[in-house]
Amino acid sequence: MKDLFGTIGTRYLIAILNLALIFVNAKVLGVEGVGLVGLILAAVSISTMFCGILAGNTIVYFMNRYSLQAVFLPSYCWTPVGAGIACCGMAVAGLLPEGYAADIYILSILTSLVAANSRFLLGKNHIKGFNLTFILQGGLLFFVLLLLYYGLKIQDVSAYLWGMYLTNGIAFLVSLLLLLPFLKQKKEDPRKGRSLTALLKEMFAYGLWGSADNIAEILTTRLNYFLIKRFAGLGSVGLLDAGTKVSESVWHINRSIGYIEYSRVAQANDLAEQKQITLRFFKLTFCVVTFATGCILLIPEWVYTDYLFSAEFAGIRKVITGLAAGIIALACNSILSQYFIGSGKIRYSAGSSFVGLLGLLVSGYLLIPVYGVVGSAVSSSIAFCAMLTFSVAIFCRKTDTRLKEFLINKEDIRFVLQKLKQK
């Protein structure tokens, strides 16, 4: 419970800084600059998912079966290959912003290596190191960009890119130093009798399912950026990105919970225990994310246009409202996805993501040309709700769970109060 509160606290510290950074970017870069940054980050996110075949959740899963030393080299060697495949594919599809292909490739490798190191630390239960890596990668960016924007007077997209290079570079070096003691530990047989080829086949078999899941999910959350650019231009991408980032700030809750849940589910051997862990984290996520989303919905439009952003961002509250149901749905779905991944049932998590992607393509095709940015937000909510519906149905069938078990009961309240009292 202490690790959970520490991780959530770290995530929300970064979330506050990221929210502040969104407002700073809006003032400095304008709506089109925010849109271009959003497209670049969307491309980096898609590329990072390809790197995640061997450098994502595959790491934590296999560290519980082999050793850090056995998993480390395949993860690192695959990263530039995965980034190259992703960037080439996006270039052919015309998704890479013109003139930024090299930046996207390098940043994809760098962010993927940082993510890999953080998962190695998580796999070793080094929660403090895991949180420190996240702080350096996410929180430091705010202060670096303030220096670049206002100290050095570099007020364009290039400043954002340099900030990404610097903060991710520092996070990579620090996290690698934290890993060195574990890497130096001698193991008699780190692969437990398996050849490197056999281990790679096993990792790819697991990782491909996981990456299919992650790629489909990231496309579901970010493909709208490219669709709205095609139909409405870069300024609309900036408006969508601002509304999305404000709404998604609550996802730091479920991501924090999800990291802890995944590790515990992967380590648990009893199916009943895995189910109980998942249901408790699901209820906690739903309550906290719904409350946080409700608070965001209470903020009036003029606060965004007069103070937080600028008049260019008029209509942002409609975007946030359109996203609200989907934000809650995807937060809850991520908890079920972590159960599927952690218990080895990764194909169901992938299936959920593909259901969402299909829902986005159909609803986006119908809504975006007619309703523009608001239609894009609503299509995202439809996609996320479809994902949750699929995951709940599969979870109930595979674990003999009844729908009423998702409701909060006295036992859940007693459990939380007991943990808080112990803390």
Protein backbone atom coordinates (compact mmCIF):
# COMPACT_ATOMS: atom_id res chain seq x y z
CA MET A 1 0.00 0.00 0.00
CA LYS A 2 2.92 2.30 0.72
CA ASP A 3 4.34 1.62 -2.76
CA LEU A 4 0.92 2.33 -4.27
CA PHE A 5 0.54 5.70 -2.54
CA GLY A 6 4.12 6.61 -3.37
CA THR A 7 3.65 5.77 -7.03
CA ILE A 8 0.33 7.61 -7.28
CA GLY A 9 1.85 10.61 -5.50
CA THR A 10 4.76 10.66 -7.93
CA ARG A 11 2.44 10.37 -10.91
CA TYR A 12 0.28 13.22 -9.70
CA LEU A 13 3.25 15.46 -9.03
CA ILE A 14 4.24 14.94 -12.66
CA ALA A 15 0.63 15.34 -13.79
CA ILE A 16 0.45 18.79 -12.19
CA LEU A 17 3.70 19.82 -13.89
CA ASN A 18 2.49 18.41 -17.22
CA LEU A 19 -0.77 20.32 -16.93
CA ALA A 20 1.17 23.50 -16.22
CA LEU A 21 3.36 22.72 -19.23
CA ILE A 22 0.30 22.39 -21.46
CA PHE A 23 -0.70 25.92 -20.49
CA VAL A 24 2.83 27.24 -21.04
CA ASN A 25 3.01 25.58 -24.46
CA ALA A 26 -0.32 27.11 -25.42
CA LYS A 27 0.91 30.60 -24.56
CA VAL A 28 4.32 30.19 -26.25
CA LEU A 29 3.61 27.98 -29.28
CA GLY A 30 -0.01 28.83 -30.08
CA VAL A 31 -2.68 26.41 -31.22
CA GLU A 32 -0.80 25.27 -34.36
CA GLY A 33 2.47 24.78 -32.47
CA VAL A 34 0.64 22.68 -29.88
CA GLY A 35 -0.87 20.70 -32.74
CA LEU A 36 2.55 20.00 -34.30
CA VAL A 37 3.98 18.91 -30.94
CA GLY A 38 0.94 16.66 -30.50
CA LEU A 39 1.54 15.00 -33.88
CA ILE A 40 5.25 14.45 -33.10
CA LEU A 41 4.48 12.92 -29.69
CA ALA A 42 1.74 10.75 -31.22
CA ALA A 43 4.27 9.39 -33.75
CA VAL A 44 6.83 8.77 -30.98
CA SER A 45 4.19 6.93 -28.95
CA ILE A 46 3.32 4.66 -31.87
CA SER A 47 7.01 3.93 -32.50
CA THR A 48 7.62 3.23 -28.80
CA MET A 49 4.91 0.57 -28.90
CA PHE A 50 6.87 -1.33 -31.58
CA CYS A 51 9.96 -1.15 -29.38
CA GLY A 52 7.80 -2.55 -26.57
CA ILE A 53 7.69 -5.99 -28.20
CA LEU A 54 10.78 -6.85 -26.14
CA ALA A 55 11.19 -3.67 -24.09
CA GLY A 56 7.71 -3.22 -22.60
CA ASN A 57 5.67 -5.32 -20.18
CA THR A 58 7.49 -8.35 -21.59
CA ILE A 59 10.36 -7.40 -19.26
CA VAL A 60 8.42 -7.69 -16.00
CA TYR A 61 6.69 -10.90 -17.12
CA PHE A 62 9.95 -12.69 -18.03
CA MET A 63 11.93 -11.36 -15.07
CA ASN A 64 9.58 -13.40 -12.88
CA ARG A 65 10.62 -16.50 -14.85
CA TYR A 66 14.28 -15.95 -15.67
CA SER A 67 16.58 -13.11 -14.60
CA LEU A 68 17.34 -9.50 -15.39
CA GLN A 69 20.62 -10.50 -17.07
CA ALA A 70 18.82 -12.89 -19.43
CA VAL A 71 16.22 -10.33 -20.51
CA PHE A 72 18.40 -7.20 -20.61
CA LEU A 73 20.37 -7.71 -23.83
CA PRO A 74 17.43 -8.77 -26.07
CA SER A 75 15.42 -5.77 -24.87
CA TYR A 76 18.18 -3.28 -25.60
CA CYS A 77 19.15 -4.74 -28.98
CA TRP A 78 15.59 -4.81 -30.24
CA THR A 79 14.81 -1.15 -29.45
CA PRO A 80 16.51 0.53 -32.49
CA VAL A 81 15.15 -2.20 -34.76
CA GLY A 82 11.57 -1.75 -33.54
CA ALA A 83 11.82 2.04 -33.82
CA GLY A 84 13.14 1.72 -37.37
CA ILE A 85 10.31 -0.57 -38.46
CA ALA A 86 7.70 1.75 -36.93
CA CYS A 87 9.13 4.94 -38.44
CA CYS A 88 9.42 3.36 -41.89
CA GLY A 89 5.83 2.16 -41.68
CA MET A 90 4.57 5.61 -40.62
CA ALA A 91 6.61 7.27 -43.39
CA VAL A 92 5.00 5.01 -46.00
CA ALA A 93 1.54 5.74 -44.53
CA GLY A 94 2.26 9.49 -44.56
CA LEU A 95 1.87 9.88 -40.80
CA LEU A 96 5.29 11.39 -40.00
CA PRO A 97 5.27 15.21 -39.73
CA GLU A 98 7.46 16.56 -42.53
CA GLY A 99 11.04 17.31 -41.46
CA TYR A 100 10.86 15.50 -38.11
CA ALA A 101 11.51 11.86 -39.06
CA ALA A 102 15.03 11.74 -37.52
CA ASP A 103 13.85 13.40 -34.28
CA ILE A 104 10.99 10.93 -33.96
CA TYR A 105 13.31 7.95 -34.52
CA ILE A 106 15.92 9.08 -31.97
CA LEU A 107 13.34 10.08 -29.36
CA SER A 108 11.56 6.75 -29.82
CA ILE A 109 14.75 4.86 -29.01
CA LEU A 110 15.57 7.08 -26.05
CA THR A 111 12.11 6.97 -24.48
CA SER A 112 11.90 3.21 -25.05
CA LEU A 113 15.20 2.60 -23.25
CA VAL A 114 14.03 4.72 -20.32
CA ALA A 115 10.78 2.74 -20.23
CA ALA A 116 12.75 -0.52 -20.33
CA ASN A 117 14.98 0.57 -17.44
CA SER A 118 11.96 1.60 -15.38
CA ARG A 119 10.38 -1.82 -15.93
CA PHE A 120 13.60 -3.56 -14.93
CA LEU A 121 13.55 -1.54 -11.72
CA LEU A 122 9.87 -2.40 -11.19
CA GLY A 123 10.63 -6.08 -11.77
CA LYS A 124 13.21 -5.86 -8.98
CA ASN A 125 10.67 -4.08 -6.73
CA HIS A 126 12.91 -0.99 -6.74
CA ILE A 127 9.86 1.29 -6.54
CA LYS A 128 11.88 4.36 -5.49
CA GLY A 129 14.13 4.00 -8.52
CA PHE A 130 11.08 3.43 -10.72
CA ASN A 131 9.47 6.64 -9.42
CA LEU A 132 12.71 8.64 -9.67
CA THR A 133 13.07 7.65 -13.32
CA PHE A 134 9.55 8.85 -14.00
CA ILE A 135 10.17 12.14 -12.20
CA LEU A 136 13.30 12.83 -14.24
CA GLN A 137 11.65 11.90 -17.51
CA GLY A 138 8.37 13.73 -16.95
CA GLY A 139 8.83 16.36 -14.26
CA LEU A 140 12.19 17.77 -15.32
CA LEU A 141 10.80 18.68 -18.76
CA PHE A 142 8.71 21.49 -17.28
CA PHE A 143 11.73 23.29 -15.79
CA VAL A 144 13.96 22.71 -18.83
CA LEU A 145 11.35 24.18 -21.16
CA LEU A 146 10.87 27.21 -18.93
CA LEU A 147 14.62 27.82 -19.27
CA LEU A 148 14.53 27.36 -23.04
CA TYR A 149 11.37 29.41 -23.62
CA TYR A 150 12.01 32.33 -21.29
CA GLY A 151 15.70 32.14 -20.38
CA LEU A 152 17.20 31.41 -23.80
CA LYS A 153 14.22 32.86 -25.72
CA ILE A 154 13.83 29.79 -27.96
CA GLN A 155 10.07 29.91 -28.42
CA ASP A 156 9.32 27.34 -31.09
CA VAL A 157 8.88 23.57 -31.49
CA SER A 158 12.66 23.01 -31.61
CA ALA A 159 12.84 24.01 -27.92
CA TYR A 160 10.36 21.27 -27.04
CA LEU A 161 12.43 18.71 -28.93
CA TRP A 162 15.65 19.76 -27.19
CA GLY A 163 13.84 19.52 -23.86
CA MET A 164 12.78 15.96 -24.70
CA TYR A 165 16.33 15.00 -25.63
CA LEU A 166 17.80 16.43 -22.44
CA THR A 167 15.28 15.06 -19.93
CA ASN A 168 15.09 11.59 -21.48
CA GLY A 169 18.88 11.46 -21.68
CA ILE A 170 19.23 12.27 -17.98
CA ALA A 171 16.50 9.76 -17.04
CA PHE A 172 18.24 7.06 -19.10
CA LEU A 173 21.64 7.59 -17.48
CA VAL A 174 20.28 7.71 -13.92
CA SER A 175 18.06 4.64 -14.36
CA LEU A 176 20.95 2.71 -15.92
CA LEU A 177 23.15 3.55 -12.93
CA LEU A 178 20.42 2.28 -10.61
CA LEU A 179 20.33 -0.98 -12.58
CA LEU A 180 24.08 -1.63 -12.55
CA PRO A 181 24.15 -3.37 -9.11
CA PHE A 182 21.51 -5.83 -10.33
CA LEU A 183 23.30 -6.40 -13.65
CA LYS A 184 26.57 -7.16 -11.82
CA GLN A 185 24.99 -9.89 -9.71
CA LYS A 186 26.31 -13.25 -10.90
CA LYS A 187 23.82 -15.93 -11.84
CA GLU A 188 24.82 -19.55 -12.44
CA ASP A 189 22.30 -19.97 -15.23
CA PRO A 190 20.28 -16.76 -15.86
CA ARG A 191 18.24 -18.45 -18.61
CA LYS A 192 17.53 -21.58 -16.50
CA GLY A 193 18.83 -24.01 -19.09
CA ARG A 194 17.18 -22.40 -22.11
CA SER A 195 19.24 -21.31 -25.09
CA LEU A 196 19.26 -17.67 -26.19
CA THR A 197 17.34 -18.63 -29.34
CA ALA A 198 14.62 -20.42 -27.34
CA LEU A 199 14.33 -17.46 -24.97
CA LEU A 200 14.02 -15.00 -27.85
CA LYS A 201 11.27 -17.08 -29.45
CA GLU A 202 9.39 -17.18 -26.16
CA MET A 203 9.80 -13.43 -25.62
CA PHE A 204 8.69 -12.62 -29.15
CA ALA A 205 5.65 -14.90 -28.88
CA TYR A 206 4.58 -13.05 -25.72
CA GLY A 207 5.78 -9.62 -26.84
CA LEU A 208 4.06 -9.67 -30.21
CA TRP A 209 0.69 -10.15 -28.52
CA GLY A 210 1.51 -7.40 -26.05
CA SER A 211 2.65 -5.03 -28.76
CA ALA A 212 -0.37 -5.77 -30.91
CA ASP A 213 -2.42 -4.79 -27.86
CA ASN A 214 -0.41 -1.63 -27.17
CA ILE A 215 -0.21 -0.53 -30.80
CA ALA A 216 -3.95 -0.95 -31.23
CA GLU A 217 -4.57 0.97 -27.99
CA ILE A 218 -2.21 3.82 -28.87
CA LEU A 219 -3.77 4.04 -32.33
CA THR A 220 -7.18 4.19 -30.66
CA THR A 221 -6.05 7.08 -28.45
CA ARG A 222 -3.95 8.97 -31.04
CA LEU A 223 -5.15 8.13 -34.56
CA ASN A 224 -7.71 10.92 -34.22
CA TYR A 225 -4.83 13.42 -34.36
CA PHE A 226 -4.01 12.38 -37.90
CA LEU A 227 -7.68 12.10 -38.91
CA ILE A 228 -8.56 15.56 -37.60
CA LYS A 229 -5.49 17.07 -39.32
CA ARG A 230 -6.73 15.67 -42.61
CA PHE A 231 -10.27 16.97 -42.19
CA ALA A 232 -9.77 20.23 -40.23
CA GLY A 233 -6.08 21.26 -40.19
CA LEU A 234 -3.26 21.70 -37.68
CA GLY A 235 -5.14 24.22 -35.52
CA SER A 236 -7.87 21.68 -34.81
CA VAL A 237 -5.20 19.17 -33.83
CA GLY A 238 -3.95 21.70 -31.28
CA LEU A 239 -7.45 22.13 -29.83
CA LEU A 240 -7.97 18.36 -29.69
CA ASP A 241 -4.55 17.84 -28.12
CA ALA A 242 -5.15 20.46 -25.41
CA GLY A 243 -8.54 19.02 -24.49
CA THR A 244 -7.18 15.47 -24.58
CA LYS A 245 -4.19 16.28 -22.37
CA VAL A 246 -6.39 18.00 -19.77
CA SER A 247 -8.79 15.04 -19.75
CA GLU A 248 -6.07 12.39 -19.75
CA SER A 249 -4.37 13.93 -16.73
CA VAL A 250 -6.56 11.65 -14.59
CA TRP A 251 -5.00 8.59 -16.26
CA HIS A 252 -1.98 8.99 -14.01
CA ILE A 253 -4.16 7.37 -11.35
CA ASN A 254 -4.94 4.16 -13.22
CA ARG A 255 -1.44 3.95 -14.71
CA SER A 256 0.06 4.10 -11.25
CA ILE A 257 -2.38 1.49 -9.96
CA GLY A 258 -1.86 -0.60 -13.09
CA TYR A 259 1.91 -0.84 -12.67
CA ILE A 260 1.50 -2.16 -9.13
CA GLU A 261 -1.38 -4.46 -10.11
CA TYR A 262 0.54 -5.94 -13.05
CA SER A 263 3.52 -6.78 -10.87
CA ARG A 264 1.33 -8.42 -8.19
CA VAL A 265 -0.83 -10.36 -10.64
CA ALA A 266 2.27 -11.63 -12.46
CA GLN A 267 3.76 -12.81 -9.16
CA ALA A 268 0.56 -14.44 -7.88
CA ASN A 269 -0.06 -18.09 -8.76
CA ASP A 270 -3.56 -18.47 -7.32
CA LEU A 271 -6.34 -17.55 -9.77
CA ALA A 272 -8.68 -16.45 -6.97
CA GLU A 273 -6.01 -14.11 -5.64
CA GLN A 274 -5.44 -12.61 -9.12
CA LYS A 275 -9.18 -12.03 -9.47
CA GLN A 276 -9.46 -10.39 -6.05
CA ILE A 277 -6.50 -8.06 -6.73
CA THR A 278 -8.01 -7.01 -10.05
CA LEU A 279 -11.52 -6.33 -8.71
CA ARG A 280 -10.22 -4.21 -5.82
CA PHE A 281 -7.98 -2.13 -8.09
CA PHE A 282 -10.84 -1.80 -10.62
CA LYS A 283 -13.20 -0.34 -8.00
CA LEU A 284 -10.54 1.98 -6.65
CA THR A 285 -9.75 3.22 -10.16
CA PHE A 286 -13.39 3.80 -11.07
CA CYS A 287 -14.10 5.84 -7.94
CA VAL A 288 -11.02 8.05 -8.06
CA VAL A 289 -11.00 8.61 -11.85
CA THR A 290 -14.73 9.41 -11.92
CA PHE A 291 -14.30 11.94 -9.12
CA ALA A 292 -11.29 13.56 -10.83
CA THR A 293 -13.07 13.71 -14.20
CA GLY A 294 -16.13 15.28 -12.56
CA CYS A 295 -13.92 18.01 -11.07
CA ILE A 296 -12.47 18.79 -14.50
CA LEU A 297 -15.98 19.00 -16.01
CA LEU A 298 -16.90 21.67 -13.46
CA ILE A 299 -14.29 24.09 -14.84
CA PRO A 300 -16.06 26.71 -17.03
CA GLU A 301 -14.91 27.55 -20.58
CA TRP A 302 -13.71 31.06 -19.74
CA VAL A 303 -11.11 29.71 -17.32
CA TYR A 304 -9.45 27.94 -20.25
CA THR A 305 -9.71 30.74 -22.81
CA ASP A 306 -8.98 33.71 -20.51
CA TYR A 307 -6.38 32.28 -18.14
CA LEU A 308 -5.06 28.77 -18.80
CA PHE A 309 -4.79 28.84 -22.61
CA SER A 310 -5.86 31.63 -24.94
CA ALA A 311 -8.82 32.69 -27.09
CA GLU A 312 -7.49 30.38 -29.85
CA PHE A 313 -8.62 27.43 -27.75
CA ALA A 314 -12.32 28.32 -27.69
CA GLY A 315 -14.41 25.14 -27.65
CA ILE A 316 -12.02 23.13 -25.50
CA ARG A 317 -14.70 22.41 -22.87
CA LYS A 318 -16.84 20.68 -25.52
CA VAL A 319 -13.87 18.49 -26.35
CA ILE A 320 -13.37 17.58 -22.68
CA THR A 321 -17.09 16.82 -22.25
CA GLY A 322 -17.03 14.57 -25.32
CA LEU A 323 -14.06 12.68 -23.92
CA ALA A 324 -15.29 12.32 -20.32
CA ALA A 325 -17.13 8.97 -20.54
CA GLY A 326 -14.29 7.48 -22.55
CA ILE A 327 -11.65 8.66 -20.11
CA ILE A 328 -13.36 6.79 -17.26
CA ALA A 329 -13.97 3.73 -19.44
CA LEU A 330 -10.37 3.43 -20.64
CA ALA A 331 -9.01 3.96 -17.10
CA CYS A 332 -11.10 1.02 -15.86
CA ASN A 333 -10.27 -1.05 -18.92
CA SER A 334 -6.55 -0.63 -18.27
CA ILE A 335 -6.96 -2.45 -14.94
CA LEU A 336 -8.56 -5.43 -16.67
CA SER A 337 -5.88 -5.31 -19.37
CA GLN A 338 -3.15 -5.50 -16.74
CA TYR A 339 -4.87 -8.60 -15.35
CA PHE A 340 -4.93 -10.25 -18.79
CA ILE A 341 -1.27 -9.38 -19.42
CA GLY A 342 -0.02 -10.29 -15.95
CA SER A 343 -1.83 -13.65 -15.93
CA GLY A 344 -0.58 -14.64 -19.39
CA LYS A 345 -3.95 -14.09 -21.14
CA ILE A 346 -2.53 -11.29 -23.24
CA ARG A 347 -4.55 -12.10 -26.38
CA TYR A 348 -7.70 -10.87 -24.63
CA SER A 349 -6.11 -7.51 -23.90
CA ALA A 350 -5.09 -7.33 -27.56
CA GLY A 351 -8.64 -8.22 -28.58
CA SER A 352 -10.00 -5.37 -26.46
CA SER A 353 -7.66 -2.89 -28.12
CA PHE A 354 -8.61 -4.05 -31.61
CA VAL A 355 -12.29 -3.71 -30.74
CA GLY A 356 -11.57 -0.14 -29.68
CA LEU A 357 -9.61 0.60 -32.84
CA LEU A 358 -12.45 -0.72 -35.01
CA GLY A 359 -14.93 1.37 -33.02
CA LEU A 360 -12.78 4.48 -33.50
CA LEU A 361 -12.42 4.00 -37.25
CA VAL A 362 -16.15 3.50 -37.76
CA SER A 363 -17.35 6.27 -35.43
CA GLY A 364 -14.57 8.64 -36.51
CA TYR A 365 -15.41 8.16 -40.17
CA LEU A 366 -19.04 9.02 -39.42
CA LEU A 367 -18.60 11.82 -36.87
CA ILE A 368 -15.37 13.74 -37.64
CA PRO A 369 -16.30 15.05 -41.13
CA VAL A 370 -19.62 16.37 -39.75
CA TYR A 371 -18.80 17.49 -36.20
CA GLY A 372 -15.06 18.14 -36.42
CA VAL A 373 -13.11 18.22 -33.16
CA VAL A 374 -16.14 17.43 -30.97
CA GLY A 375 -16.97 14.48 -33.21
CA SER A 376 -13.40 13.29 -32.78
CA ALA A 377 -13.74 13.44 -28.97
CA VAL A 378 -17.06 11.56 -29.00
CA SER A 379 -15.65 8.89 -31.34
CA SER A 380 -12.83 8.31 -28.84
CA SER A 381 -15.38 7.82 -26.04
CA ILE A 382 -17.32 5.33 -28.15
CA ALA A 383 -14.12 3.38 -28.84
CA PHE A 384 -13.04 3.33 -25.17
CA CYS A 385 -16.48 2.20 -23.98
CA ALA A 386 -16.43 -0.61 -26.55
CA MET A 387 -13.04 -1.74 -25.16
CA LEU A 388 -14.34 -1.82 -21.60
CA THR A 389 -17.47 -3.75 -22.58
CA PHE A 390 -15.37 -6.40 -24.30
CA SER A 391 -12.91 -6.70 -21.39
CA VAL A 392 -15.63 -6.97 -18.74
CA ALA A 393 -17.36 -9.71 -20.73
CA ILE A 394 -14.15 -11.74 -21.12
CA PHE A 395 -13.08 -11.22 -17.50
CA CYS A 396 -16.46 -12.38 -16.20
CA ARG A 397 -16.40 -15.47 -18.40
CA LYS A 398 -12.83 -16.49 -17.58
CA THR A 399 -13.01 -15.87 -13.82
CA ASP A 400 -16.67 -16.76 -13.11
CA THR A 401 -17.29 -13.20 -11.98
CA ARG A 402 -20.79 -11.77 -11.75
CA LEU A 403 -21.40 -8.15 -12.70
CA LYS A 404 -22.49 -7.25 -9.18
CA GLU A 405 -18.98 -8.13 -7.96
CA PHE A 406 -17.76 -4.96 -9.68
CA LEU A 407 -19.84 -2.92 -7.24
CA ILE A 408 -18.23 -1.60 -4.05
CA ASN A 409 -19.20 -3.54 -0.94
CA LYS A 410 -18.52 -3.38 2.80
CA GLU A 411 -15.55 -5.72 2.48
CA ASP A 412 -13.81 -3.33 0.06
CA ILE A 413 -14.34 -0.37 2.40
CA ARG A 414 -13.08 -2.38 5.35
CA PHE A 415 -9.99 -3.43 3.39
CA VAL A 416 -9.10 0.15 2.41
CA LEU A 417 -9.64 1.49 5.92
CA GLN A 418 -7.47 -1.29 7.34
CA LYS A 419 -4.64 -0.51 4.91
CA LEU A 420 -4.87 3.21 5.65
CA LYS A 421 -4.78 2.50 9.37
CA GLN A 422 -1.71 0.30 8.96
CA LYS A 423 0.00 3.02 6.94
